[in-house]
Amino acid sequence: ELARAEPLPRQRPVQPGWTSAPAVSFGGEFQNGPVRWSRL
C-alpha cells in the first residue's frame, strides 16, 4: 500500500489573511479553474 501511494500536489504557503492556500497544478490551472484575462 505504501508503494502504491501517490504524493499530493504541492501547495503555496498560506499568506496572511488567506483561509487556505490556493493549490496550483503543473498544467498551469488552478484547482478552481483556468487562469483568465482581467476584463478591467
PDB file of all heavy atoms in Angstrom:
ATOM      1  N   GLU A   1       0.830  -1.211   0.000  1.00  0.00           N
ATOM      2  CA  GLU A   1       0.000   0.000   0.000  1.00  0.00           C
ATOM      3  C   GLU A   1       0.867   1.264   0.000  1.00  0.00           C
ATOM      4  O   GLU A   1       0.537   2.268  -0.636  1.00  0.00           O
ATOM      5  CB  GLU A   1      -0.914  -0.015   1.212  1.00  0.00           C
ATOM      6  CG  GLU A   1      -2.009  -1.064   1.115  1.00  0.00           C
ATOM      7  CD  GLU A   1      -2.824  -1.160   2.395  1.00  0.00           C
ATOM      8  OE1 GLU A   1      -2.275  -0.834   3.482  1.00  0.00           O
ATOM      9  OE2 GLU A   1      -3.999  -1.531   2.307  1.00  0.00           O
ATOM     10  N   LEU A   2       1.969   1.207   0.718  1.00  0.00           N
ATOM     11  CA  LEU A   2       2.871   2.362   0.694  1.00  0.00           C
ATOM     12  C   LEU A   2       3.473   2.577  -0.681  1.00  0.00           C
ATOM     13  O   LEU A   2       3.666   3.716  -1.139  1.00  0.00           O
ATOM     14  CB  LEU A   2       3.991   2.171   1.718  1.00  0.00           C
ATOM     15  CG  LEU A   2       3.601   2.320   3.187  1.00  0.00           C
ATOM     16  CD1 LEU A   2       4.790   1.976   4.077  1.00  0.00           C
ATOM     17  CD2 LEU A   2       3.124   3.739   3.458  1.00  0.00           C
ATOM     18  N   ALA A   3       3.776   1.494  -1.419  1.00  0.00           N
ATOM     19  CA  ALA A   3       4.355   1.622  -2.748  1.00  0.00           C
ATOM     20  C   ALA A   3       3.371   2.220  -3.737  1.00  0.00           C
ATOM     21  O   ALA A   3       3.741   2.913  -4.682  1.00  0.00           O
ATOM     22  CB  ALA A   3       4.842   0.255  -3.237  1.00  0.00           C
ATOM     23  N   ARG A   4       2.084   1.922  -3.539  1.00  0.00           N
ATOM     24  CA  ARG A   4       1.057   2.437  -4.460  1.00  0.00           C
ATOM     25  C   ARG A   4       0.622   3.863  -4.110  1.00  0.00           C
ATOM     26  O   ARG A   4      -0.126   4.476  -4.851  1.00  0.00           O
ATOM     27  CB  ARG A   4      -0.166   1.515  -4.440  1.00  0.00           C
ATOM     28  CG  ARG A   4       0.086   0.159  -5.088  1.00  0.00           C
ATOM     29  CD  ARG A   4      -1.228  -0.557  -5.323  1.00  0.00           C
ATOM     30  NE  ARG A   4      -1.977  -0.755  -4.099  1.00  0.00           N
ATOM     31  CZ  ARG A   4      -1.897  -1.840  -3.314  1.00  0.00           C
ATOM     32  NH1 ARG A   4      -1.051  -2.812  -3.651  1.00  0.00           N
ATOM     33  NH2 ARG A   4      -2.611  -1.962  -2.226  1.00  0.00           N
ATOM     34  N   ALA A   5       1.045   4.414  -3.032  1.00  0.00           N
ATOM     35  CA  ALA A   5       0.624   5.756  -2.626  1.00  0.00           C
ATOM     36  C   ALA A   5       1.223   6.822  -3.556  1.00  0.00           C
ATOM     37  O   ALA A   5       2.347   6.703  -4.027  1.00  0.00           O
ATOM     38  CB  ALA A   5       1.049   6.025  -1.185  1.00  0.00           C
ATOM     39  N   GLU A   6       0.447   7.874  -3.855  1.00  0.00           N
ATOM     40  CA  GLU A   6       0.873   8.987  -4.710  1.00  0.00           C
ATOM     41  C   GLU A   6       0.945  10.264  -3.873  1.00  0.00           C
ATOM     42  O   GLU A   6       0.076  10.521  -3.035  1.00  0.00           O
ATOM     43  CB  GLU A   6      -0.103   9.193  -5.871  1.00  0.00           C
ATOM     44  CG  GLU A   6      -0.140   8.038  -6.849  1.00  0.00           C
ATOM     45  CD  GLU A   6      -1.085   8.317  -8.003  1.00  0.00           C
ATOM     46  OE1 GLU A   6      -1.693   9.418  -7.989  1.00  0.00           O
ATOM     47  OE2 GLU A   6      -1.213   7.451  -8.891  1.00  0.00           O
ATOM     48  N   PRO A   7       1.960  11.069  -4.087  1.00  0.00           N
ATOM     49  CA  PRO A   7       2.066  12.318  -3.293  1.00  0.00           C
ATOM     50  C   PRO A   7       0.983  13.311  -3.696  1.00  0.00           C
ATOM     51  O   PRO A   7       0.527  13.346  -4.845  1.00  0.00           O
ATOM     52  CB  PRO A   7       3.464  12.834  -3.636  1.00  0.00           C
ATOM     53  CG  PRO A   7       3.749  12.269  -4.984  1.00  0.00           C
ATOM     54  CD  PRO A   7       3.074  10.921  -5.031  1.00  0.00           C
ATOM     55  N   LEU A   8       0.578  14.156  -2.735  1.00  0.00           N
ATOM     56  CA  LEU A   8      -0.399  15.199  -3.017  1.00  0.00           C
ATOM     57  C   LEU A   8       0.268  16.340  -3.800  1.00  0.00           C
ATOM     58  O   LEU A   8       1.485  16.535  -3.732  1.00  0.00           O
ATOM     59  CB  LEU A   8      -0.964  15.745  -1.704  1.00  0.00           C
ATOM     60  CG  LEU A   8      -1.813  14.755  -0.885  1.00  0.00           C
ATOM     61  CD1 LEU A   8      -2.185  15.393   0.453  1.00  0.00           C
ATOM     62  CD2 LEU A   8      -3.059  14.356  -1.658  1.00  0.00           C
ATOM     63  N   PRO A   9      -0.529  17.141  -4.596  1.00  0.00           N
ATOM     64  CA  PRO A   9       0.054  18.294  -5.323  1.00  0.00           C
ATOM     65  C   PRO A   9       0.663  19.298  -4.353  1.00  0.00           C
ATOM     66  O   PRO A   9       0.180  19.488  -3.235  1.00  0.00           O
ATOM     67  CB  PRO A   9      -1.146  18.890  -6.073  1.00  0.00           C
ATOM     68  CG  PRO A   9      -2.148  17.800  -6.127  1.00  0.00           C
ATOM     69  CD  PRO A   9      -1.956  16.966  -4.905  1.00  0.00           C
ATOM     70  N   ARG A  10       1.761  19.925  -4.811  1.00  0.00           N
ATOM     71  CA  ARG A  10       2.395  20.948  -3.989  1.00  0.00           C
ATOM     72  C   ARG A  10       1.468  22.150  -3.815  1.00  0.00           C
ATOM     73  O   ARG A  10       0.750  22.523  -4.740  1.00  0.00           O
ATOM     74  CB  ARG A  10       3.708  21.401  -4.611  1.00  0.00           C
ATOM     75  CG  ARG A  10       4.772  20.319  -4.597  1.00  0.00           C
ATOM     76  CD  ARG A  10       6.122  20.900  -4.961  1.00  0.00           C
ATOM     77  NE  ARG A  10       6.064  21.616  -6.214  1.00  0.00           N
ATOM     78  CZ  ARG A  10       7.069  22.368  -6.668  1.00  0.00           C
ATOM     79  NH1 ARG A  10       8.171  22.520  -5.931  1.00  0.00           N
ATOM     80  NH2 ARG A  10       6.969  22.977  -7.830  1.00  0.00           N
ATOM     81  N   GLN A  11       1.505  22.762  -2.681  1.00  0.00           N
ATOM     82  CA  GLN A  11       0.656  23.909  -2.393  1.00  0.00           C
ATOM     83  C   GLN A  11       1.508  25.118  -2.016  1.00  0.00           C
ATOM     84  O   GLN A  11       2.611  24.972  -1.493  1.00  0.00           O
ATOM     85  CB  GLN A  11      -0.304  23.596  -1.245  1.00  0.00           C
ATOM     86  CG  GLN A  11      -1.303  22.495  -1.592  1.00  0.00           C
ATOM     87  CD  GLN A  11      -2.291  22.297  -0.467  1.00  0.00           C
ATOM     88  OE1 GLN A  11      -2.089  22.807   0.624  1.00  0.00           O
ATOM     89  NE2 GLN A  11      -3.363  21.575  -0.740  1.00  0.00           N
ATOM     90  N   ARG A  12       0.953  26.276  -2.356  1.00  0.00           N
ATOM     91  CA  ARG A  12       1.588  27.516  -1.928  1.00  0.00           C
ATOM     92  C   ARG A  12       1.390  27.702  -0.443  1.00  0.00           C
ATOM     93  O   ARG A  12       0.384  27.296   0.118  1.00  0.00           O
ATOM     94  CB  ARG A  12       0.994  28.719  -2.650  1.00  0.00           C
ATOM     95  CG  ARG A  12       1.281  28.756  -4.135  1.00  0.00           C
ATOM     96  CD  ARG A  12       0.565  29.923  -4.767  1.00  0.00           C
ATOM     97  NE  ARG A  12       0.956  31.189  -4.145  1.00  0.00           N
ATOM     98  CZ  ARG A  12       0.187  32.249  -4.084  1.00  0.00           C
ATOM     99  NH1 ARG A  12      -1.015  32.220  -4.585  1.00  0.00           N
ATOM    100  NH2 ARG A  12       0.615  33.351  -3.525  1.00  0.00           N
ATOM    101  N   PRO A  13       2.352  28.301   0.239  1.00  0.00           N
ATOM    102  CA  PRO A  13       2.151  28.586   1.668  1.00  0.00           C
ATOM    103  C   PRO A  13       0.996  29.553   1.866  1.00  0.00           C
ATOM    104  O   PRO A  13       0.727  30.412   1.028  1.00  0.00           O
ATOM    105  CB  PRO A  13       3.486  29.198   2.103  1.00  0.00           C
ATOM    106  CG  PRO A  13       4.078  29.741   0.845  1.00  0.00           C
ATOM    107  CD  PRO A  13       3.641  28.794  -0.240  1.00  0.00           C
ATOM    108  N   VAL A  14       0.316  29.376   2.959  1.00  0.00           N
ATOM    109  CA  VAL A  14      -0.825  30.235   3.265  1.00  0.00           C
ATOM    110  C   VAL A  14      -0.333  31.632   3.598  1.00  0.00           C
ATOM    111  O   VAL A  14       0.532  31.801   4.463  1.00  0.00           O
ATOM    112  CB  VAL A  14      -1.635  29.641   4.432  1.00  0.00           C
ATOM    113  CG1 VAL A  14      -2.798  30.562   4.788  1.00  0.00           C
ATOM    114  CG2 VAL A  14      -2.140  28.262   4.064  1.00  0.00           C
ATOM    115  N   GLN A  15      -0.860  32.645   2.863  1.00  0.00           N
ATOM    116  CA  GLN A  15      -0.492  34.034   3.102  1.00  0.00           C
ATOM    117  C   GLN A  15      -1.358  34.615   4.219  1.00  0.00           C
ATOM    118  O   GLN A  15      -2.459  34.127   4.472  1.00  0.00           O
ATOM    119  CB  GLN A  15      -0.668  34.867   1.832  1.00  0.00           C
ATOM    120  CG  GLN A  15       0.178  34.377   0.689  1.00  0.00           C
ATOM    121  CD  GLN A  15       1.652  34.550   0.965  1.00  0.00           C
ATOM    122  OE1 GLN A  15       2.028  35.462   1.692  1.00  0.00           O
ATOM    123  NE2 GLN A  15       2.470  33.672   0.409  1.00  0.00           N
ATOM    124  N   PRO A  16      -0.861  35.660   4.874  1.00  0.00           N
ATOM    125  CA  PRO A  16      -1.675  36.285   5.938  1.00  0.00           C
ATOM    126  C   PRO A  16      -3.011  36.764   5.388  1.00  0.00           C
ATOM    127  O   PRO A  16      -3.070  37.426   4.357  1.00  0.00           O
ATOM    128  CB  PRO A  16      -0.798  37.460   6.405  1.00  0.00           C
ATOM    129  CG  PRO A  16       0.590  37.066   6.025  1.00  0.00           C
ATOM    130  CD  PRO A  16       0.468  36.255   4.769  1.00  0.00           C
ATOM    131  N   GLY A  17      -4.069  36.394   6.091  1.00  0.00           N
ATOM    132  CA  GLY A  17      -5.405  36.797   5.663  1.00  0.00           C
ATOM    133  C   GLY A  17      -6.090  35.781   4.772  1.00  0.00           C
ATOM    134  O   GLY A  17      -7.271  35.928   4.469  1.00  0.00           O
ATOM    135  N   TRP A  18      -5.371  34.722   4.311  1.00  0.00           N
ATOM    136  CA  TRP A  18      -5.997  33.690   3.489  1.00  0.00           C
ATOM    137  C   TRP A  18      -6.508  32.576   4.402  1.00  0.00           C
ATOM    138  O   TRP A  18      -5.859  32.191   5.379  1.00  0.00           O
ATOM    139  CB  TRP A  18      -4.993  33.108   2.493  1.00  0.00           C
ATOM    140  CG  TRP A  18      -4.644  34.035   1.383  1.00  0.00           C
ATOM    141  CD1 TRP A  18      -4.924  35.363   1.294  1.00  0.00           C
ATOM    142  CD2 TRP A  18      -3.932  33.700   0.195  1.00  0.00           C
ATOM    143  NE1 TRP A  18      -4.453  35.883   0.139  1.00  0.00           N
ATOM    144  CE2 TRP A  18      -3.829  34.874  -0.571  1.00  0.00           C
ATOM    145  CE3 TRP A  18      -3.377  32.524  -0.305  1.00  0.00           C
ATOM    146  CZ2 TRP A  18      -3.201  34.907  -1.800  1.00  0.00           C
ATOM    147  CZ3 TRP A  18      -2.752  32.556  -1.526  1.00  0.00           C
ATOM    148  CH2 TRP A  18      -2.667  33.731  -2.258  1.00  0.00           C
ATOM    149  N   THR A  19      -7.619  32.022   4.054  1.00  0.00           N
ATOM    150  CA  THR A  19      -8.161  30.897   4.814  1.00  0.00           C
ATOM    151  C   THR A  19      -7.503  29.595   4.409  1.00  0.00           C
ATOM    152  O   THR A  19      -7.442  28.653   5.188  1.00  0.00           O
ATOM    153  CB  THR A  19      -9.674  30.809   4.598  1.00  0.00           C
ATOM    154  OG1 THR A  19      -9.940  30.682   3.209  1.00  0.00           O
ATOM    155  CG2 THR A  19     -10.366  32.080   5.097  1.00  0.00           C
ATOM    156  N   SER A  20      -7.013  29.521   3.201  1.00  0.00           N
ATOM    157  CA  SER A  20      -6.326  28.317   2.736  1.00  0.00           C
ATOM    158  C   SER A  20      -5.430  28.688   1.593  1.00  0.00           C
ATOM    159  O   SER A  20      -5.608  29.718   0.958  1.00  0.00           O
ATOM    160  CB  SER A  20      -7.335  27.246   2.301  1.00  0.00           C
ATOM    161  OG  SER A  20      -8.103  27.711   1.207  1.00  0.00           O
ATOM    162  N   ALA A  21      -4.459  27.848   1.284  1.00  0.00           N
ATOM    163  CA  ALA A  21      -3.532  28.110   0.196  1.00  0.00           C
ATOM    164  C   ALA A  21      -4.100  27.607  -1.105  1.00  0.00           C
ATOM    165  O   ALA A  21      -4.478  26.436  -1.208  1.00  0.00           O
ATOM    166  CB  ALA A  21      -2.207  27.416   0.474  1.00  0.00           C
ATOM    167  N   PRO A  22      -4.223  28.468  -2.172  1.00  0.00           N
ATOM    168  CA  PRO A  22      -4.757  28.010  -3.454  1.00  0.00           C
ATOM    169  C   PRO A  22      -3.764  27.074  -4.117  1.00  0.00           C
ATOM    170  O   PRO A  22      -2.620  27.432  -4.362  1.00  0.00           O
ATOM    171  CB  PRO A  22      -4.934  29.307  -4.256  1.00  0.00           C
ATOM    172  CG  PRO A  22      -3.962  30.262  -3.645  1.00  0.00           C
ATOM    173  CD  PRO A  22      -3.857  29.894  -2.207  1.00  0.00           C
ATOM    174  N   ALA A  23      -4.191  25.881  -4.403  1.00  0.00           N
ATOM    175  CA  ALA A  23      -3.309  24.881  -5.000  1.00  0.00           C
ATOM    176  C   ALA A  23      -3.254  25.055  -6.501  1.00  0.00           C
ATOM    177  O   ALA A  23      -4.264  25.298  -7.151  1.00  0.00           O
ATOM    178  CB  ALA A  23      -3.805  23.479  -4.665  1.00  0.00           C
ATOM    179  N   VAL A  24      -2.037  24.943  -7.051  1.00  0.00           N
ATOM    180  CA  VAL A  24      -1.834  25.086  -8.481  1.00  0.00           C
ATOM    181  C   VAL A  24      -1.294  23.777  -9.023  1.00  0.00           C
ATOM    182  O   VAL A  24      -0.350  23.208  -8.472  1.00  0.00           O
ATOM    183  CB  VAL A  24      -0.841  26.219  -8.783  1.00  0.00           C
ATOM    184  CG1 VAL A  24      -0.717  26.420 -10.272  1.00  0.00           C
ATOM    185  CG2 VAL A  24      -1.310  27.492  -8.115  1.00  0.00           C
ATOM    186  N   SER A  25      -1.882  23.308 -10.085  1.00  0.00           N
ATOM    187  CA  SER A  25      -1.394  22.083 -10.707  1.00  0.00           C
ATOM    188  C   SER A  25      -0.295  22.412 -11.692  1.00  0.00           C
ATOM    189  O   SER A  25      -0.095  23.562 -12.078  1.00  0.00           O
ATOM    190  CB  SER A  25      -2.542  21.364 -11.415  1.00  0.00           C
ATOM    191  OG  SER A  25      -2.966  22.120 -12.522  1.00  0.00           O
ATOM    192  N   PHE A  26       0.448  21.387 -12.120  1.00  0.00           N
ATOM    193  CA  PHE A  26       1.540  21.588 -13.053  1.00  0.00           C
ATOM    194  C   PHE A  26       1.037  21.952 -14.440  1.00  0.00           C
ATOM    195  O   PHE A  26       1.811  22.340 -15.298  1.00  0.00           O
ATOM    196  CB  PHE A  26       2.413  20.330 -13.118  1.00  0.00           C
ATOM    197  CG  PHE A  26       3.161  20.073 -11.835  1.00  0.00           C
ATOM    198  CD1 PHE A  26       2.706  19.140 -10.927  1.00  0.00           C
ATOM    199  CD2 PHE A  26       4.286  20.801 -11.521  1.00  0.00           C
ATOM    200  CE1 PHE A  26       3.382  18.906  -9.742  1.00  0.00           C
ATOM    201  CE2 PHE A  26       4.971  20.579 -10.343  1.00  0.00           C
ATOM    202  CZ  PHE A  26       4.506  19.630  -9.438  1.00  0.00           C
ATOM    203  N   GLY A  27      -0.241  21.849 -14.692  1.00  0.00           N
ATOM    204  CA  GLY A  27      -0.792  22.206 -16.004  1.00  0.00           C
ATOM    205  C   GLY A  27      -1.055  23.675 -16.169  1.00  0.00           C
ATOM    206  O   GLY A  27      -1.574  24.103 -17.193  1.00  0.00           O
ATOM    207  N   GLY A  28      -0.731  24.486 -15.135  1.00  0.00           N
ATOM    208  CA  GLY A  28      -0.915  25.932 -15.245  1.00  0.00           C
ATOM    209  C   GLY A  28      -2.316  26.389 -14.918  1.00  0.00           C
ATOM    210  O   GLY A  28      -2.687  27.508 -15.181  1.00  0.00           O
ATOM    211  N   GLU A  29      -3.166  25.506 -14.343  1.00  0.00           N
ATOM    212  CA  GLU A  29      -4.512  25.879 -13.991  1.00  0.00           C
ATOM    213  C   GLU A  29      -4.697  25.742 -12.493  1.00  0.00           C
ATOM    214  O   GLU A  29      -4.119  24.858 -11.853  1.00  0.00           O
ATOM    215  CB  GLU A  29      -5.537  25.007 -14.722  1.00  0.00           C
ATOM    216  CG  GLU A  29      -5.524  25.165 -16.228  1.00  0.00           C
ATOM    217  CD  GLU A  29      -6.595  24.316 -16.875  1.00  0.00           C
ATOM    218  OE1 GLU A  29      -7.241  23.559 -16.137  1.00  0.00           O
ATOM    219  OE2 GLU A  29      -6.782  24.429 -18.100  1.00  0.00           O
ATOM    220  N   PHE A  30      -5.518  26.579 -11.927  1.00  0.00           N
ATOM    221  CA  PHE A  30      -5.847  26.449 -10.524  1.00  0.00           C
ATOM    222  C   PHE A  30      -6.855  25.316 -10.359  1.00  0.00           C
ATOM    223  O   PHE A  30      -7.541  24.933 -11.307  1.00  0.00           O
ATOM    224  CB  PHE A  30      -6.451  27.765  -9.992  1.00  0.00           C
ATOM    225  CG  PHE A  30      -5.414  28.813  -9.744  1.00  0.00           C
ATOM    226  CD1 PHE A  30      -5.003  29.650 -10.758  1.00  0.00           C
ATOM    227  CD2 PHE A  30      -4.845  28.938  -8.494  1.00  0.00           C
ATOM    228  CE1 PHE A  30      -4.038  30.607 -10.522  1.00  0.00           C
ATOM    229  CE2 PHE A  30      -3.876  29.900  -8.263  1.00  0.00           C
ATOM    230  CZ  PHE A  30      -3.479  30.733  -9.277  1.00  0.00           C
ATOM    231  N   GLN A  31      -6.927  24.814  -9.161  1.00  0.00           N
ATOM    232  CA  GLN A  31      -7.884  23.766  -8.916  1.00  0.00           C
ATOM    233  C   GLN A  31      -9.309  24.234  -9.125  1.00  0.00           C
ATOM    234  O   GLN A  31     -10.187  23.443  -9.455  1.00  0.00           O
ATOM    235  CB  GLN A  31      -7.715  23.230  -7.485  1.00  0.00           C
ATOM    236  CG  GLN A  31      -6.425  22.458  -7.273  1.00  0.00           C
ATOM    237  CD  GLN A  31      -6.302  21.929  -5.864  1.00  0.00           C
ATOM    238  OE1 GLN A  31      -7.108  22.269  -4.993  1.00  0.00           O
ATOM    239  NE2 GLN A  31      -5.306  21.099  -5.637  1.00  0.00           N
ATOM    240  N   ASN A  32      -9.543  25.559  -8.927  1.00  0.00           N
ATOM    241  CA  ASN A  32     -10.889  26.078  -9.114  1.00  0.00           C
ATOM    242  C   ASN A  32     -11.190  26.458 -10.544  1.00  0.00           C
ATOM    243  O   ASN A  32     -12.272  26.935 -10.846  1.00  0.00           O
ATOM    244  CB  ASN A  32     -11.107  27.299  -8.221  1.00  0.00           C
ATOM    245  CG  ASN A  32     -11.075  26.934  -6.756  1.00  0.00           C
ATOM    246  OD1 ASN A  32     -11.343  25.783  -6.402  1.00  0.00           O
ATOM    247  ND2 ASN A  32     -10.727  27.891  -5.905  1.00  0.00           N
ATOM    248  N   GLY A  33     -10.224  26.403 -11.486  1.00  0.00           N
ATOM    249  CA  GLY A  33     -10.482  26.753 -12.870  1.00  0.00           C
ATOM    250  C   GLY A  33      -9.250  27.310 -13.532  1.00  0.00           C
ATOM    251  O   GLY A  33      -8.212  27.498 -12.894  1.00  0.00           O
ATOM    252  N   PRO A  34      -9.309  27.609 -14.842  1.00  0.00           N
ATOM    253  CA  PRO A  34      -8.148  28.106 -15.574  1.00  0.00           C
ATOM    254  C   PRO A  34      -7.854  29.563 -15.241  1.00  0.00           C
ATOM    255  O   PRO A  34      -8.693  30.297 -14.737  1.00  0.00           O
ATOM    256  CB  PRO A  34      -8.578  27.962 -17.028  1.00  0.00           C
ATOM    257  CG  PRO A  34     -10.069  28.070 -16.985  1.00  0.00           C
ATOM    258  CD  PRO A  34     -10.482  27.414 -15.703  1.00  0.00           C
ATOM    259  N   VAL A  35      -6.604  30.007 -15.524  1.00  0.00           N
ATOM    260  CA  VAL A  35      -6.215  31.405 -15.371  1.00  0.00           C
ATOM    261  C   VAL A  35      -6.883  32.229 -16.470  1.00  0.00           C
ATOM    262  O   VAL A  35      -6.813  31.874 -17.649  1.00  0.00           O
ATOM    263  CB  VAL A  35      -4.682  31.550 -15.454  1.00  0.00           C
ATOM    264  CG1 VAL A  35      -4.277  32.998 -15.328  1.00  0.00           C
ATOM    265  CG2 VAL A  35      -4.018  30.710 -14.377  1.00  0.00           C
ATOM    266  N   ARG A  36      -7.528  33.338 -16.098  1.00  0.00           N
ATOM    267  CA  ARG A  36      -8.309  34.131 -17.048  1.00  0.00           C
ATOM    268  C   ARG A  36      -7.763  35.552 -17.154  1.00  0.00           C
ATOM    269  O   ARG A  36      -7.101  36.043 -16.250  1.00  0.00           O
ATOM    270  CB  ARG A  36      -9.783  34.164 -16.621  1.00  0.00           C
ATOM    271  CG  ARG A  36     -10.439  32.793 -16.596  1.00  0.00           C
ATOM    272  CD  ARG A  36     -11.881  32.907 -16.181  1.00  0.00           C
ATOM    273  NE  ARG A  36     -12.546  31.605 -16.165  1.00  0.00           N
ATOM    274  CZ  ARG A  36     -13.819  31.424 -15.813  1.00  0.00           C
ATOM    275  NH1 ARG A  36     -14.543  32.469 -15.424  1.00  0.00           N
ATOM    276  NH2 ARG A  36     -14.336  30.219 -15.843  1.00  0.00           N
ATOM    277  N   TRP A  37      -8.107  36.217 -18.283  1.00  0.00           N
ATOM    278  CA  TRP A  37      -7.711  37.609 -18.500  1.00  0.00           C
ATOM    279  C   TRP A  37      -8.623  38.525 -17.700  1.00  0.00           C
ATOM    280  O   TRP A  37      -9.826  38.311 -17.606  1.00  0.00           O
ATOM    281  CB  TRP A  37      -7.802  37.967 -19.980  1.00  0.00           C
ATOM    282  CG  TRP A  37      -6.699  37.379 -20.798  1.00  0.00           C
ATOM    283  CD1 TRP A  37      -6.734  36.236 -21.518  1.00  0.00           C
ATOM    284  CD2 TRP A  37      -5.396  37.928 -20.961  1.00  0.00           C
ATOM    285  NE1 TRP A  37      -5.532  36.006 -22.125  1.00  0.00           N
ATOM    286  CE2 TRP A  37      -4.685  37.035 -21.810  1.00  0.00           C
ATOM    287  CE3 TRP A  37      -4.747  39.060 -20.492  1.00  0.00           C
ATOM    288  CZ2 TRP A  37      -3.372  37.256 -22.182  1.00  0.00           C
ATOM    289  CZ3 TRP A  37      -3.450  39.284 -20.860  1.00  0.00           C
ATOM    290  CH2 TRP A  37      -2.767  38.396 -21.691  1.00  0.00           C
ATOM    291  N   SER A  38      -8.029  39.578 -17.157  1.00  0.00           N
ATOM    292  CA  SER A  38      -8.795  40.578 -16.416  1.00  0.00           C
ATOM    293  C   SER A  38      -9.518  41.496 -17.393  1.00  0.00           C
ATOM    294  O   SER A  38      -8.900  42.152 -18.223  1.00  0.00           O
ATOM    295  CB  SER A  38      -7.861  41.391 -15.510  1.00  0.00           C
ATOM    296  OG  SER A  38      -8.548  42.484 -14.942  1.00  0.00           O
ATOM    297  N   ARG A  39     -10.822  41.532 -17.283  1.00  0.00           N
ATOM    298  CA  ARG A  39     -11.606  42.400 -18.172  1.00  0.00           C
ATOM    299  C   ARG A  39     -11.343  43.875 -17.892  1.00  0.00           C
ATOM    300  O   ARG A  39     -11.362  44.698 -18.811  1.00  0.00           O
ATOM    301  CB  ARG A  39     -13.095  42.090 -18.005  1.00  0.00           C
ATOM    302  CG  ARG A  39     -13.495  40.690 -18.467  1.00  0.00           C
ATOM    303  CD  ARG A  39     -14.990  40.480 -18.309  1.00  0.00           C
ATOM    304  NE  ARG A  39     -15.384  39.153 -18.771  1.00  0.00           N
ATOM    305  CZ  ARG A  39     -16.629  38.694 -18.734  1.00  0.00           C
ATOM    306  NH1 ARG A  39     -17.608  39.473 -18.240  1.00  0.00           N
ATOM    307  NH2 ARG A  39     -16.913  37.483 -19.168  1.00  0.00           N
ATOM    308  N   LEU A  40     -11.099  44.207 -16.636  1.00  0.00           N
ATOM    309  CA  LEU A  40     -10.813  45.604 -16.308  1.00  0.00           C
ATOM    310  C   LEU A  40      -9.500  46.060 -16.943  1.00  0.00           C
ATOM    311  O   LEU A  40      -9.394  47.195 -17.430  1.00  0.00           O
ATOM    312  CB  LEU A  40     -10.746  45.793 -14.799  1.00  0.00           C
ATOM    313  CG  LEU A  40     -12.083  45.816 -14.050  1.00  0.00           C
ATOM    314  CD1 LEU A  40     -11.840  45.893 -12.558  1.00  0.00           C
ATOM    315  CD2 LEU A  40     -12.940  46.979 -14.508  1.00  0.00           C
TER     316      LEU A  40
END
